């Protein structure tokens, strides 16, 4: 995977589906690893499913102190609550 392609995947907010052909072109680590990878790819539908999630990502700087006001208005800034909140 080229660096430009990898950076585009990181920035994308769209779901990324597996690309079996691309996975098989990745660097080879030996016969055993290739056999395992091929068997896993053949049975991928048996152990994977795709589900979309929504995330709220934010940073909140309180300068090492407890917040003086409630974070509720900030966390509830959208009509639909996200599935996950990630606050640093």
Protein backbone atom coordinates (compact mmCIF):
# COMPACT_ATOMS: atom_id res chain seq x y z
CA UNK A 1 0.00 0.00 0.00
CA UNK A 2 1.46 3.33 -1.05
CA UNK A 3 1.91 6.00 1.61
CA UNK A 4 -0.54 8.33 -0.20
CA UNK A 5 -3.21 5.59 -0.25
CA UNK A 6 -2.67 4.82 3.44
CA UNK A 7 -3.01 8.50 4.40
CA UNK A 8 -6.22 8.78 2.37
CA UNK A 9 -7.70 5.78 4.22
CA UNK A 10 -6.82 7.35 7.57
CA UNK A 11 -8.49 10.66 6.65
CA UNK A 12 -11.58 9.02 5.16
CA UNK A 13 -14.74 8.87 7.23
CA UNK A 14 -16.26 6.32 4.89
CA UNK A 15 -16.27 2.60 5.77
CA UNK A 16 -13.27 0.74 4.39
CA UNK A 17 -14.08 -2.73 3.10
CA UNK A 18 -11.43 -5.40 2.85
CA UNK A 19 -9.81 -5.85 -0.53
CA UNK A 20 -8.72 -9.49 -0.78
CA UNK A 21 -6.62 -8.97 -3.89
CA UNK A 22 -4.77 -6.11 -2.21
CA UNK A 23 -4.19 -8.17 0.94
CA UNK A 24 -2.68 -11.01 -1.05
CA UNK A 25 -0.18 -8.59 -2.66
CA UNK A 26 1.18 -7.50 0.74
CA UNK A 27 4.73 -8.50 1.67
CA UNK A 28 5.16 -12.23 2.02
CA UNK A 29 6.32 -13.58 5.38
CA UNK A 30 6.66 -17.27 4.59
CA UNK A 31 4.67 -20.27 3.43
CA UNK A 32 2.90 -20.87 6.76
CA UNK A 33 1.75 -17.25 7.03
CA UNK A 34 0.54 -17.26 3.42
CA UNK A 35 -1.43 -20.46 3.94
CA UNK A 36 -3.06 -19.05 7.07
CA UNK A 37 -3.87 -15.77 5.30
CA UNK A 38 -5.44 -17.62 2.34
CA UNK A 39 -7.58 -19.82 4.60
CA UNK A 40 -8.75 -16.82 6.61
CA UNK A 41 -9.65 -14.92 3.44
CA UNK A 42 -11.63 -17.91 2.13
CA UNK A 43 -13.70 -18.02 5.32
CA UNK A 44 -13.92 -14.30 5.97
CA UNK A 45 -17.72 -14.22 5.63
CA UNK A 46 -18.04 -16.81 8.41
CA UNK A 47 -16.31 -14.67 11.06
CA UNK A 48 -16.81 -11.05 9.99
CA UNK A 49 -19.66 -8.63 9.57
CA UNK A 50 -19.79 -4.94 8.84
CA UNK A 51 -21.58 -2.50 11.09
CA UNK A 52 -21.45 1.27 10.91
CA UNK A 53 -20.79 3.28 14.06
CA UNK A 54 -20.77 6.99 14.71
CA UNK A 55 -18.12 8.67 16.85
CA UNK A 56 -17.80 11.98 18.64
CA UNK A 57 -14.12 12.95 18.79
CA UNK A 58 -13.00 15.97 20.72
CA UNK A 59 -10.37 17.48 22.94
CA UNK A 60 -11.16 19.61 25.93
CA UNK A 61 -8.42 21.57 27.64
CA UNK A 62 -9.16 22.40 31.28
CA UNK A 63 -5.56 23.28 32.16
CA UNK A 64 -5.22 20.42 34.62
CA UNK A 65 -8.36 21.43 36.55
CA UNK A 66 -11.92 20.19 36.76
CA UNK A 67 -14.24 21.84 34.20
CA UNK A 68 -16.06 24.85 35.63
CA UNK A 69 -19.09 24.43 33.35
CA UNK A 70 -21.04 21.41 32.16
CA UNK A 71 -19.83 19.62 29.05
CA UNK A 72 -23.39 18.52 28.20
CA UNK A 73 -24.07 21.24 25.57
CA UNK A 74 -20.83 20.41 23.79
CA UNK A 75 -21.40 16.65 23.94
CA UNK A 76 -25.01 17.02 22.78
CA UNK A 77 -24.14 19.25 19.81
CA UNK A 78 -25.87 16.96 17.26
CA UNK A 79 -29.48 15.83 16.93
CA UNK A 80 -28.52 12.14 17.11
CA UNK A 81 -26.24 10.86 19.85
CA UNK A 82 -23.15 9.06 18.57
CA UNK A 83 -22.44 5.44 19.42
CA UNK A 84 -19.10 6.34 21.03
CA UNK A 85 -17.67 9.44 22.70
CA UNK A 86 -13.89 9.88 22.63
CA UNK A 87 -12.65 12.89 24.57
CA UNK A 88 -9.05 13.68 25.34
